[in-house]
Amino acid sequence: MEEEMELRNGAPPRDGVETIMVNMTGVLEPETPTKVPILHMHRLRNLAIASIICGCSCTGVLALIYAIKASEKQKAGSHDSAVFWSQKSRRMSWLSISIWVSLLIMVPLLVMLISYIISRAE
């Protein structure tokens, strides 16, 4: 009976109980291919156009060019390249809008500072 209770590696089991280790990684994670995220090119293009109108137009034009490149790369099936150009377009759009907002805030502050300095000098 003891010969039947031995494990495959030759060591006898403790108290007649055999421990089984199960690898659960294949069970918990199905082997399905990962979905490629969909890039919303119309939103990206709209953001670029808004950055031309409501921001610094020179960087907004760059954002629009990058958005068009991303759209063309996605149509061609080059997803990695489309993601790269869309990130670059989004970055340029937000840069354009932030430059314009910072100018809208800084110019009145500088005018007030200069008028204060001039009034103190007199």
N, C-alpha and C. Protein backbone atom coordinates (compact mmCIF):
# COMPACT_ATOMS: atom_id res chain seq x y z
N MET A 1 0.82 -1.19 0.00
CA MET A 1 0.00 0.00 0.00
C MET A 1 0.86 1.25 0.00
N GLU A 2 1.98 1.23 0.71
CA GLU A 2 2.85 2.39 0.77
C GLU A 2 3.48 2.66 -0.58
N GLU A 3 3.71 1.62 -1.37
CA GLU A 3 4.30 1.81 -2.67
C GLU A 3 3.33 2.56 -3.59
N GLU A 4 2.06 2.39 -3.43
CA GLU A 4 1.07 3.09 -4.23
C GLU A 4 0.96 4.56 -3.83
N MET A 5 1.30 4.90 -2.60
CA MET A 5 1.14 6.25 -2.09
C MET A 5 2.34 7.15 -2.42
N GLU A 6 3.42 6.60 -2.97
CA GLU A 6 4.59 7.42 -3.27
C GLU A 6 4.28 8.39 -4.41
N LEU A 7 4.88 9.57 -4.32
CA LEU A 7 4.73 10.55 -5.38
C LEU A 7 5.60 10.18 -6.55
N ARG A 8 5.45 10.90 -7.64
CA ARG A 8 6.20 10.60 -8.84
C ARG A 8 7.69 10.87 -8.67
N ASN A 9 8.06 11.82 -7.81
CA ASN A 9 9.47 12.11 -7.61
C ASN A 9 10.12 11.13 -6.65
N GLY A 10 9.38 10.21 -6.10
CA GLY A 10 9.94 9.17 -5.25
C GLY A 10 9.80 9.45 -3.77
N ALA A 11 9.41 10.63 -3.37
CA ALA A 11 9.27 10.96 -1.95
C ALA A 11 7.88 10.56 -1.48
N PRO A 12 7.79 9.98 -0.30
CA PRO A 12 6.47 9.60 0.21
C PRO A 12 5.67 10.84 0.60
N PRO A 13 4.35 10.85 0.42
CA PRO A 13 3.52 11.99 0.78
C PRO A 13 3.42 12.15 2.29
N ARG A 14 3.16 13.34 2.73
CA ARG A 14 2.97 13.59 4.16
C ARG A 14 1.55 13.20 4.55
N ASP A 15 1.43 12.45 5.54
CA ASP A 15 0.15 12.04 6.10
C ASP A 15 -0.80 11.50 5.03
N GLY A 16 -0.32 10.97 3.97
CA GLY A 16 -1.16 10.38 2.96
C GLY A 16 -1.88 11.38 2.07
N VAL A 17 -1.51 12.66 2.11
CA VAL A 17 -2.18 13.69 1.32
C VAL A 17 -1.20 14.19 0.25
N GLU A 18 -1.64 14.22 -0.96
CA GLU A 18 -0.81 14.70 -2.04
C GLU A 18 -1.20 16.14 -2.37
N THR A 19 -0.23 17.04 -2.46
CA THR A 19 -0.47 18.44 -2.78
C THR A 19 -0.36 18.61 -4.28
N ILE A 20 -1.37 19.27 -4.85
CA ILE A 20 -1.37 19.51 -6.28
C ILE A 20 -1.28 21.01 -6.51
N MET A 21 -0.30 21.44 -7.31
CA MET A 21 -0.14 22.83 -7.67
C MET A 21 -0.77 23.04 -9.04
N VAL A 22 -1.61 24.07 -9.15
CA VAL A 22 -2.28 24.33 -10.40
C VAL A 22 -1.83 25.69 -10.91
N ASN A 23 -1.47 25.76 -12.16
CA ASN A 23 -1.11 27.02 -12.78
C ASN A 23 -2.39 27.63 -13.33
N MET A 24 -2.82 28.75 -12.74
CA MET A 24 -4.09 29.36 -13.08
C MET A 24 -3.96 30.49 -14.10
N THR A 25 -2.76 30.76 -14.60
CA THR A 25 -2.61 31.91 -15.49
C THR A 25 -3.37 31.72 -16.79
N GLY A 26 -3.39 30.53 -17.33
CA GLY A 26 -4.11 30.29 -18.57
C GLY A 26 -5.61 30.30 -18.39
N VAL A 27 -6.07 29.98 -17.17
CA VAL A 27 -7.49 29.93 -16.90
C VAL A 27 -8.05 31.34 -16.69
N LEU A 28 -7.32 32.19 -15.98
CA LEU A 28 -7.82 33.52 -15.67
C LEU A 28 -7.74 34.47 -16.86
N GLU A 29 -6.73 34.31 -17.69
CA GLU A 29 -6.56 35.20 -18.82
C GLU A 29 -6.83 34.44 -20.11
N PRO A 30 -7.95 34.70 -20.75
CA PRO A 30 -8.23 33.99 -21.99
C PRO A 30 -7.24 34.40 -23.08
N GLU A 31 -6.99 33.50 -23.98
CA GLU A 31 -6.02 33.75 -25.03
C GLU A 31 -6.69 34.38 -26.25
N THR A 32 -7.31 35.52 -26.03
CA THR A 32 -7.91 36.24 -27.14
C THR A 32 -7.00 37.38 -27.51
N PRO A 33 -6.94 37.74 -28.75
CA PRO A 33 -6.09 38.86 -29.13
C PRO A 33 -6.62 40.16 -28.54
N THR A 34 -5.70 41.04 -28.19
CA THR A 34 -6.11 42.30 -27.60
C THR A 34 -6.75 43.18 -28.66
N LYS A 35 -7.76 43.93 -28.24
CA LYS A 35 -8.43 44.82 -29.16
C LYS A 35 -7.60 46.07 -29.38
N VAL A 36 -7.54 46.50 -30.59
CA VAL A 36 -6.84 47.72 -30.93
C VAL A 36 -7.76 48.89 -30.64
N PRO A 37 -7.29 49.88 -29.83
CA PRO A 37 -8.18 51.01 -29.54
C PRO A 37 -8.51 51.80 -30.79
N ILE A 38 -9.75 52.22 -30.86
CA ILE A 38 -10.22 52.98 -32.01
C ILE A 38 -9.84 54.44 -31.81
N LEU A 39 -9.22 55.01 -32.82
CA LEU A 39 -8.87 56.42 -32.76
C LEU A 39 -10.01 57.23 -33.37
N HIS A 40 -10.48 58.21 -32.65
CA HIS A 40 -11.57 59.06 -33.14
C HIS A 40 -10.95 60.24 -33.88
N MET A 41 -10.76 60.05 -35.18
CA MET A 41 -10.07 61.06 -35.97
C MET A 41 -10.89 62.33 -36.14
N HIS A 42 -12.23 62.20 -36.17
CA HIS A 42 -13.04 63.41 -36.32
C HIS A 42 -12.92 64.30 -35.09
N ARG A 43 -12.79 63.70 -33.90
CA ARG A 43 -12.60 64.49 -32.68
C ARG A 43 -11.23 65.16 -32.68
N LEU A 44 -10.25 64.43 -33.17
CA LEU A 44 -8.90 64.97 -33.23
C LEU A 44 -8.82 66.13 -34.21
N ARG A 45 -9.48 65.98 -35.33
CA ARG A 45 -9.50 67.05 -36.32
C ARG A 45 -10.27 68.25 -35.80
N ASN A 46 -11.39 68.02 -35.09
CA ASN A 46 -12.15 69.12 -34.51
C ASN A 46 -11.34 69.87 -33.45
N LEU A 47 -10.58 69.14 -32.65
CA LEU A 47 -9.72 69.78 -31.66
C LEU A 47 -8.65 70.63 -32.33
N ALA A 48 -8.10 70.14 -33.43
CA ALA A 48 -7.08 70.90 -34.16
C ALA A 48 -7.68 72.17 -34.76
N ILE A 49 -8.89 72.07 -35.30
CA ILE A 49 -9.54 73.26 -35.86
C ILE A 49 -9.87 74.26 -34.75
N ALA A 50 -10.31 73.76 -33.61
CA ALA A 50 -10.58 74.65 -32.48
C ALA A 50 -9.31 75.32 -31.98
N SER A 51 -8.19 74.62 -32.06
CA SER A 51 -6.94 75.22 -31.62
C SER A 51 -6.46 76.29 -32.61
N ILE A 52 -6.86 76.19 -33.88
CA ILE A 52 -6.54 77.25 -34.84
C ILE A 52 -7.37 78.49 -34.52
N ILE A 53 -8.66 78.28 -34.24
CA ILE A 53 -9.58 79.40 -34.00
C ILE A 53 -9.37 80.01 -32.61
N CYS A 54 -9.28 79.16 -31.59
CA CYS A 54 -9.23 79.63 -30.21
C CYS A 54 -7.84 79.62 -29.61
N GLY A 55 -6.84 79.42 -30.41
CA GLY A 55 -5.49 79.35 -29.88
C GLY A 55 -4.52 80.05 -30.79
N CYS A 56 -3.27 79.72 -30.60
CA CYS A 56 -2.20 80.26 -31.43
C CYS A 56 -2.26 79.54 -32.78
N SER A 57 -2.54 80.28 -33.84
CA SER A 57 -2.87 79.65 -35.12
C SER A 57 -1.72 78.87 -35.74
N CYS A 58 -0.47 79.28 -35.51
CA CYS A 58 0.64 78.57 -36.17
C CYS A 58 0.79 77.15 -35.62
N THR A 59 0.67 76.96 -34.31
CA THR A 59 0.74 75.59 -33.78
C THR A 59 -0.57 74.85 -34.03
N GLY A 60 -1.66 75.56 -34.16
CA GLY A 60 -2.94 74.92 -34.51
C GLY A 60 -2.91 74.33 -35.90
N VAL A 61 -2.25 75.02 -36.83
CA VAL A 61 -2.11 74.49 -38.19
C VAL A 61 -1.27 73.22 -38.17
N LEU A 62 -0.19 73.22 -37.38
CA LEU A 62 0.61 72.00 -37.23
C LEU A 62 -0.23 70.85 -36.68
N ALA A 63 -1.08 71.15 -35.70
CA ALA A 63 -1.95 70.13 -35.12
C ALA A 63 -2.90 69.56 -36.17
N LEU A 64 -3.42 70.43 -37.03
CA LEU A 64 -4.31 69.97 -38.09
C LEU A 64 -3.57 69.09 -39.10
N ILE A 65 -2.35 69.47 -39.45
CA ILE A 65 -1.56 68.66 -40.36
C ILE A 65 -1.28 67.28 -39.77
N TYR A 66 -0.93 67.24 -38.46
CA TYR A 66 -0.67 65.96 -37.81
C TYR A 66 -1.94 65.12 -37.69
N ALA A 67 -3.09 65.77 -37.49
CA ALA A 67 -4.35 65.03 -37.43
C ALA A 67 -4.69 64.40 -38.77
N ILE A 68 -4.42 65.12 -39.85
CA ILE A 68 -4.67 64.57 -41.18
C ILE A 68 -3.72 63.41 -41.46
N LYS A 69 -2.45 63.54 -41.03
CA LYS A 69 -1.50 62.44 -41.19
C LYS A 69 -1.95 61.20 -40.42
N ALA A 70 -2.43 61.41 -39.20
CA ALA A 70 -2.91 60.29 -38.39
C ALA A 70 -4.10 59.61 -39.05
N SER A 71 -5.00 60.40 -39.61
CA SER A 71 -6.17 59.84 -40.30
C SER A 71 -5.75 59.02 -41.52
N GLU A 72 -4.80 59.52 -42.27
CA GLU A 72 -4.32 58.79 -43.45
C GLU A 72 -3.59 57.51 -43.07
N LYS A 73 -2.81 57.56 -41.98
CA LYS A 73 -2.10 56.36 -41.52
C LYS A 73 -3.09 55.30 -41.03
N GLN A 74 -4.18 55.74 -40.40
CA GLN A 74 -5.18 54.78 -39.93
C GLN A 74 -5.90 54.14 -41.11
N LYS A 75 -6.19 54.94 -42.14
CA LYS A 75 -6.84 54.38 -43.34
C LYS A 75 -5.93 53.39 -44.04
N ALA A 76 -4.60 53.64 -43.99
CA ALA A 76 -3.64 52.75 -44.63
C ALA A 76 -3.40 51.48 -43.82
N GLY A 77 -3.86 51.45 -42.57
CA GLY A 77 -3.72 50.25 -41.74
C GLY A 77 -2.50 50.27 -40.84
N SER A 78 -1.78 51.34 -40.80
CA SER A 78 -0.60 51.46 -39.93
C SER A 78 -1.03 52.07 -38.60
N HIS A 79 -1.42 51.19 -37.67
CA HIS A 79 -2.00 51.66 -36.41
C HIS A 79 -0.96 52.35 -35.52
N ASP A 80 0.24 51.81 -35.42
CA ASP A 80 1.26 52.40 -34.56
C ASP A 80 1.62 53.81 -35.02
N SER A 81 1.74 53.97 -36.31
CA SER A 81 2.05 55.29 -36.85
C SER A 81 0.88 56.25 -36.64
N ALA A 82 -0.34 55.76 -36.77
CA ALA A 82 -1.52 56.60 -36.54
C ALA A 82 -1.59 57.06 -35.09
N VAL A 83 -1.25 56.18 -34.15
CA VAL A 83 -1.25 56.56 -32.74
C VAL A 83 -0.19 57.63 -32.48
N PHE A 84 0.98 57.46 -33.10
CA PHE A 84 2.06 58.44 -32.93
C PHE A 84 1.63 59.82 -33.41
N TRP A 85 1.06 59.89 -34.61
CA TRP A 85 0.67 61.19 -35.17
C TRP A 85 -0.52 61.78 -34.42
N SER A 86 -1.43 60.94 -33.94
CA SER A 86 -2.57 61.47 -33.19
C SER A 86 -2.12 62.05 -31.85
N GLN A 87 -1.16 61.40 -31.18
CA GLN A 87 -0.64 61.95 -29.93
C GLN A 87 0.08 63.28 -30.17
N LYS A 88 0.81 63.34 -31.27
CA LYS A 88 1.51 64.57 -31.60
C LYS A 88 0.52 65.70 -31.93
N SER A 89 -0.55 65.36 -32.64
CA SER A 89 -1.57 66.35 -32.97
C SER A 89 -2.28 66.85 -31.71
N ARG A 90 -2.62 65.93 -30.83
CA ARG A 90 -3.30 66.31 -29.59
C ARG A 90 -2.40 67.21 -28.74
N ARG A 91 -1.11 66.87 -28.68
CA ARG A 91 -0.17 67.67 -27.92
C ARG A 91 -0.05 69.09 -28.49
N MET A 92 0.02 69.20 -29.81
CA MET A 92 0.11 70.51 -30.45
C MET A 92 -1.17 71.33 -30.25
N SER A 93 -2.31 70.66 -30.29
CA SER A 93 -3.58 71.36 -30.08
C SER A 93 -3.64 71.96 -28.69
N TRP A 94 -3.32 71.16 -27.67
CA TRP A 94 -3.36 71.68 -26.30
C TRP A 94 -2.28 72.73 -26.07
N LEU A 95 -1.13 72.58 -26.73
CA LEU A 95 -0.10 73.61 -26.62
C LEU A 95 -0.59 74.93 -27.20
N SER A 96 -1.25 74.87 -28.34
CA SER A 96 -1.78 76.07 -28.98
C SER A 96 -2.79 76.77 -28.10
N ILE A 97 -3.71 76.02 -27.54
CA ILE A 97 -4.74 76.61 -26.68
C ILE A 97 -4.12 77.16 -25.39
N SER A 98 -3.16 76.45 -24.82
CA SER A 98 -2.54 76.92 -23.57
C SER A 98 -1.69 78.17 -23.81
N ILE A 99 -1.03 78.27 -24.97
CA ILE A 99 -0.29 79.50 -25.28
C ILE A 99 -1.24 80.69 -25.35
N TRP A 100 -2.38 80.50 -26.00
CA TRP A 100 -3.33 81.60 -26.14
C TRP A 100 -3.92 82.01 -24.79
N VAL A 101 -4.25 81.04 -23.95
CA VAL A 101 -4.81 81.35 -22.64
C VAL A 101 -3.77 82.06 -21.77
N SER A 102 -2.53 81.60 -21.85
CA SER A 102 -1.48 82.25 -21.05
C SER A 102 -1.24 83.68 -21.53
N LEU A 103 -1.33 83.91 -22.84
CA LEU A 103 -1.20 85.29 -23.35
C LEU A 103 -2.37 86.16 -22.89
N LEU A 104 -3.57 85.59 -22.88
CA LEU A 104 -4.74 86.36 -22.42
C LEU A 104 -4.61 86.74 -20.96
N ILE A 105 -3.94 85.93 -20.18
CA ILE A 105 -3.77 86.24 -18.75
C ILE A 105 -2.58 87.16 -18.53
N MET A 106 -1.48 86.90 -19.23
CA MET A 106 -0.23 87.64 -18.97
C MET A 106 -0.25 89.07 -19.50
N VAL A 107 -0.86 89.33 -20.63
CA VAL A 107 -0.83 90.68 -21.21
C VAL A 107 -1.51 91.69 -20.29
N PRO A 108 -2.71 91.46 -19.79
CA PRO A 108 -3.30 92.45 -18.86
C PRO A 108 -2.48 92.61 -17.58
N LEU A 109 -1.90 91.52 -17.09
CA LEU A 109 -1.07 91.64 -15.89
C LEU A 109 0.17 92.49 -16.15
N LEU A 110 0.77 92.31 -17.31
CA LEU A 110 1.94 93.12 -17.65
C LEU A 110 1.58 94.58 -17.85
N VAL A 111 0.43 94.86 -18.44
CA VAL A 111 -0.03 96.24 -18.61
C VAL A 111 -0.24 96.89 -17.25
N MET A 112 -0.86 96.16 -16.32
CA MET A 112 -1.07 96.70 -14.98
C MET A 112 0.27 96.93 -14.27
N LEU A 113 1.20 96.03 -14.42
CA LEU A 113 2.51 96.17 -13.80
C LEU A 113 3.26 97.37 -14.37
N ILE A 114 3.24 97.54 -15.67
CA ILE A 114 3.93 98.68 -16.29
C ILE A 114 3.29 100.00 -15.87
N SER A 115 1.95 100.06 -15.83
CA SER A 115 1.29 101.30 -15.40
C SER A 115 1.59 101.60 -13.94
N TYR A 116 1.71 100.59 -13.12
CA TYR A 116 2.06 100.80 -11.71
C TYR A 116 3.49 101.33 -11.59
N ILE A 117 4.40 100.77 -12.37
CA ILE A 117 5.80 101.22 -12.32
C ILE A 117 5.91 102.66 -12.80
N ILE A 118 5.19 103.01 -13.87
CA ILE A 118 5.22 104.38 -14.39
C ILE A 118 4.63 105.36 -13.37
N SER A 119 3.53 104.99 -12.72
CA SER A 119 2.91 105.88 -11.73
C SER A 119 3.81 106.06 -10.51
N ARG A 120 4.54 105.05 -10.14
CA ARG A 120 5.46 105.16 -8.99
C ARG A 120 6.69 105.99 -9.35
N ALA A 121 7.06 105.99 -10.62
CA ALA A 121 8.25 106.74 -11.04
C ALA A 121 7.99 108.24 -11.05
N GLU A 122 6.75 108.64 -11.23
CA GLU A 122 6.43 110.07 -11.28
C GLU A 122 6.31 110.61 -9.93
